[in-house]
């Protein structure tokens, strides 16, 4: 009889121990899962905040860059109209580009022909030569227009540029400037998940 009691007691103890191990394991899994969910929510919240902040910053940088492009186009137009002979000197053209910190500028006549500027390889293009340059076509019909294009691949080479164009005060030429948007591109990269996770 004692043997049966010992066996029953031993079996009960083993069953209780196994049940407590299983229960303990289930509780550990539940707690771990809850902690992972909480950490994941916090991480996604942080990512959302970073993305929102980066998006706001990107918009500010993009707007500032576009305003800068228009200002530099106006300054270039003023310089060209004040000194039309500058277009005949490669050295003067480089000085204007360096002074205003622009990558390129183009002079377009009233018919839409690009005939002068800092990039002779583009001479002969017209405002009808491609999708990118075609953006400025409405300027031929309205000399009060000042346009700044979004960052886009240029017509001739496909490199990313931002262009802005204004008329000279005498209404004889459109002055278009182009700037490589490196600062905007760098800000855009900060919205990529690889950057955020790093």
Protein backbone atom coordinates (compact mmCIF):
# COMPACT_ATOMS: atom_id res chain seq x y z
CA UNK A 1 0.00 0.00 0.00
CA UNK A 2 2.89 2.34 0.83
CA UNK A 3 4.43 1.58 -2.56
CA UNK A 4 1.19 2.61 -4.31
CA UNK A 5 1.07 5.85 -2.30
CA UNK A 6 4.73 6.60 -3.12
CA UNK A 7 4.15 5.83 -6.81
CA UNK A 8 1.00 7.97 -6.86
CA UNK A 9 2.76 10.77 -4.98
CA UNK A 10 5.80 10.53 -7.31
CA UNK A 11 3.56 10.56 -10.40
CA UNK A 12 1.63 13.54 -9.03
CA UNK A 13 4.84 15.45 -8.33
CA UNK A 14 6.16 14.71 -11.85
CA UNK A 15 2.85 15.77 -13.44
CA UNK A 16 2.76 18.98 -11.37
CA UNK A 17 6.38 19.74 -12.31
CA UNK A 18 5.68 19.14 -16.00
CA UNK A 19 2.55 21.29 -15.85
CA UNK A 20 4.46 24.08 -14.11
CA UNK A 21 7.24 23.87 -16.74
CA UNK A 22 4.69 24.03 -19.58
CA UNK A 23 2.82 26.88 -17.86
CA UNK A 24 6.07 28.74 -17.19
CA UNK A 25 7.10 28.28 -20.86
CA UNK A 26 3.70 29.58 -22.07
CA UNK A 27 3.92 32.61 -19.76
CA UNK A 28 7.47 33.35 -21.00
CA UNK A 29 6.30 33.15 -24.64
CA UNK A 30 3.34 35.44 -23.93
CA UNK A 31 5.54 38.01 -22.15
CA UNK A 32 8.16 37.88 -24.94
CA UNK A 33 5.49 38.32 -27.61
CA UNK A 34 3.98 41.29 -25.77
CA UNK A 35 7.43 42.88 -25.38
CA UNK A 36 8.20 42.37 -29.07
CA UNK A 37 4.86 43.91 -30.06
CA UNK A 38 5.51 46.91 -27.80
CA UNK A 39 9.05 47.38 -29.13
CA UNK A 40 7.83 47.01 -32.72
CA UNK A 41 5.14 49.65 -32.20
CA UNK A 42 7.72 52.00 -30.70
CA UNK A 43 10.13 51.34 -33.56
CA UNK A 44 7.46 51.96 -36.21
CA UNK A 45 6.41 55.13 -34.39
CA UNK A 46 10.04 56.33 -34.41
CA UNK A 47 10.37 55.51 -38.12
CA UNK A 48 7.17 57.42 -38.85
CA UNK A 49 8.46 60.45 -36.93
CA UNK A 50 11.80 60.33 -38.75
CA UNK A 51 10.06 60.03 -42.14
CA UNK A 52 7.74 62.95 -41.35
CA UNK A 53 10.63 65.09 -40.18
CA UNK A 54 12.76 64.16 -43.21
CA UNK A 55 9.82 64.82 -45.56
CA UNK A 56 9.30 68.28 -44.07
CA UNK A 57 13.01 69.01 -44.33
CA UNK A 58 13.10 67.70 -47.91
CA UNK A 59 10.18 69.96 -48.88
CA UNK A 60 11.94 72.97 -47.34
CA UNK A 61 15.21 72.17 -49.13
CA UNK A 62 13.36 71.60 -52.44
CA UNK A 63 11.47 74.91 -52.11
CA UNK A 64 14.66 76.80 -51.17
CA UNK A 65 16.54 75.28 -54.10
CA UNK A 66 13.77 76.21 -56.56
CA UNK A 67 13.69 79.79 -55.21
CA UNK A 68 17.48 79.96 -55.49
CA UNK A 69 17.32 78.76 -59.10
CA UNK A 70 14.82 81.50 -60.02
CA UNK A 71 16.89 84.16 -58.25
CA UNK A 72 20.03 83.05 -60.08
CA UNK A 73 18.14 83.03 -63.41
CA UNK A 74 17.06 86.64 -62.79
CA UNK A 75 20.62 87.63 -61.86
CA UNK A 76 22.01 85.92 -64.98
CA UNK A 77 19.40 87.66 -67.17
CA UNK A 78 20.34 91.01 -65.65
CA UNK A 79 24.06 90.42 -66.25
CA UNK A 80 23.52 89.25 -69.83
CA UNK A 81 21.31 92.22 -70.70
CA UNK A 82 23.73 94.65 -69.03
CA UNK A 83 26.70 93.20 -70.89
CA UNK A 84 25.58 91.43 -74.10
CA UNK A 85 29.20 91.20 -75.31
CA UNK A 86 29.88 88.79 -72.44
CA UNK A 87 28.24 86.06 -74.52
CA UNK A 88 31.03 86.35 -77.07
CA UNK A 89 33.73 85.56 -74.51
CA UNK A 90 34.11 82.06 -73.11
CA UNK A 91 36.05 83.53 -70.19
CA UNK A 92 33.21 85.94 -69.32
CA UNK A 93 30.65 83.12 -69.55
CA UNK A 94 32.72 81.06 -67.09
CA UNK A 95 33.00 84.08 -64.77
CA UNK A 96 29.22 84.49 -64.74
CA UNK A 97 28.73 80.79 -64.01
CA UNK A 98 31.29 80.82 -61.20
CA UNK A 99 30.09 84.09 -59.72
CA UNK A 100 26.47 82.92 -59.54
CA UNK A 101 27.44 79.31 -58.72
CA UNK A 102 25.39 77.80 -61.51
CA UNK A 103 26.31 74.69 -63.47
CA UNK A 104 25.09 75.95 -66.83
CA UNK A 105 23.08 78.71 -68.46
CA UNK A 106 21.51 79.06 -71.86
CA UNK A 107 20.29 81.96 -73.93
CA UNK A 108 17.18 81.27 -76.00
CA UNK A 109 15.83 83.66 -78.61
CA UNK A 110 12.22 84.78 -79.12
CA UNK A 111 11.58 81.82 -81.46
CA UNK A 112 12.76 79.26 -78.92
CA UNK A 113 16.24 78.54 -80.34
CA UNK A 114 19.07 77.98 -77.85
CA UNK A 115 21.96 79.87 -79.44
CA UNK A 116 24.38 80.90 -76.67
CA UNK A 117 25.45 80.11 -73.14
CA UNK A 118 27.89 78.05 -71.16
CA UNK A 119 27.34 74.74 -73.00
CA UNK A 120 28.09 75.02 -76.75
CA UNK A 121 27.15 71.35 -77.24
CA UNK A 122 23.52 72.33 -76.62
CA UNK A 123 23.47 75.15 -79.21
CA UNK A 124 20.83 74.50 -81.84
CA UNK A 125 18.34 72.85 -79.47
CA UNK A 126 14.90 74.43 -79.42
CA UNK A 127 12.14 74.47 -76.85
CA UNK A 128 10.60 71.66 -78.93
CA UNK A 129 13.71 69.43 -78.77
CA UNK A 130 12.59 67.22 -75.90
CA UNK A 131 10.19 66.68 -73.04
CA UNK A 132 12.37 68.40 -70.45
CA UNK A 133 13.10 71.58 -72.42
CA UNK A 134 9.52 71.61 -73.76
CA UNK A 135 8.42 72.60 -70.24
CA UNK A 136 9.52 76.18 -71.02
CA UNK A 137 7.57 76.43 -74.30
CA UNK A 138 4.70 78.50 -72.75
CA UNK A 139 7.22 81.31 -72.18
CA UNK A 140 7.22 82.04 -75.92
CA UNK A 141 3.59 83.15 -75.64
CA UNK A 142 3.87 85.06 -72.35
CA UNK A 143 6.92 87.19 -71.62
CA UNK A 144 5.85 87.74 -68.01
CA UNK A 145 6.37 84.06 -67.16
CA UNK A 146 9.14 82.89 -64.87
CA UNK A 147 9.31 79.12 -64.67
CA UNK A 148 11.20 76.75 -62.42
CA UNK A 149 11.08 73.11 -63.39
CA UNK A 150 11.14 70.23 -60.95
CA UNK A 151 14.30 68.15 -60.83
CA UNK A 152 14.33 66.09 -64.01
CA UNK A 153 16.78 64.49 -66.46
CA UNK A 154 17.88 67.06 -69.03
CA UNK A 155 17.14 66.69 -72.74
CA UNK A 156 20.69 66.36 -74.04
CA UNK A 157 22.35 63.97 -71.58
CA UNK A 158 19.70 62.68 -69.21
CA UNK A 159 21.53 63.96 -66.10
CA UNK A 160 19.44 65.22 -63.20
CA UNK A 161 19.14 68.98 -63.24
CA UNK A 162 16.82 71.71 -62.05
CA UNK A 163 16.19 74.45 -64.57
CA UNK A 164 14.71 77.90 -64.15
CA UNK A 165 14.06 80.44 -66.90
CA UNK A 166 13.14 84.12 -67.09
CA UNK A 167 12.94 86.71 -69.85
CA UNK A 168 15.47 89.52 -70.03
CA UNK A 169 13.89 92.88 -69.22
CA UNK A 170 14.02 93.94 -72.87
CA UNK A 171 12.05 90.79 -73.83
CA UNK A 172 14.58 89.67 -76.44
CA UNK A 173 15.89 86.50 -74.79
CA UNK A 174 14.95 83.79 -72.36
CA UNK A 175 17.76 83.08 -69.91
CA UNK A 176 17.65 79.54 -68.57
CA UNK A 177 19.95 78.36 -65.82
CA UNK A 178 20.58 74.78 -64.73
CA UNK A 179 21.84 73.54 -61.40
CA UNK A 180 22.68 70.03 -60.25
CA UNK A 181 20.44 69.35 -57.24
CA UNK A 182 22.97 67.47 -55.08
CA UNK A 183 21.64 68.86 -51.80
CA UNK A 184 18.08 67.84 -52.68
CA UNK A 185 19.24 64.37 -53.79
CA UNK A 186 21.11 63.92 -50.48
CA UNK A 187 18.00 64.94 -48.54
CA UNK A 188 15.92 62.49 -50.59
CA UNK A 189 18.29 59.65 -49.69
CA UNK A 190 17.56 60.30 -46.01
CA UNK A 191 14.00 59.08 -46.64
CA UNK A 192 15.20 55.67 -47.81
CA UNK A 193 14.67 52.82 -45.33
CA UNK A 194 18.30 51.74 -45.54
CA UNK A 195 19.35 55.19 -44.30
CA UNK A 196 16.71 55.27 -41.56
CA UNK A 197 17.64 51.83 -40.22
CA UNK A 198 21.32 52.71 -40.26
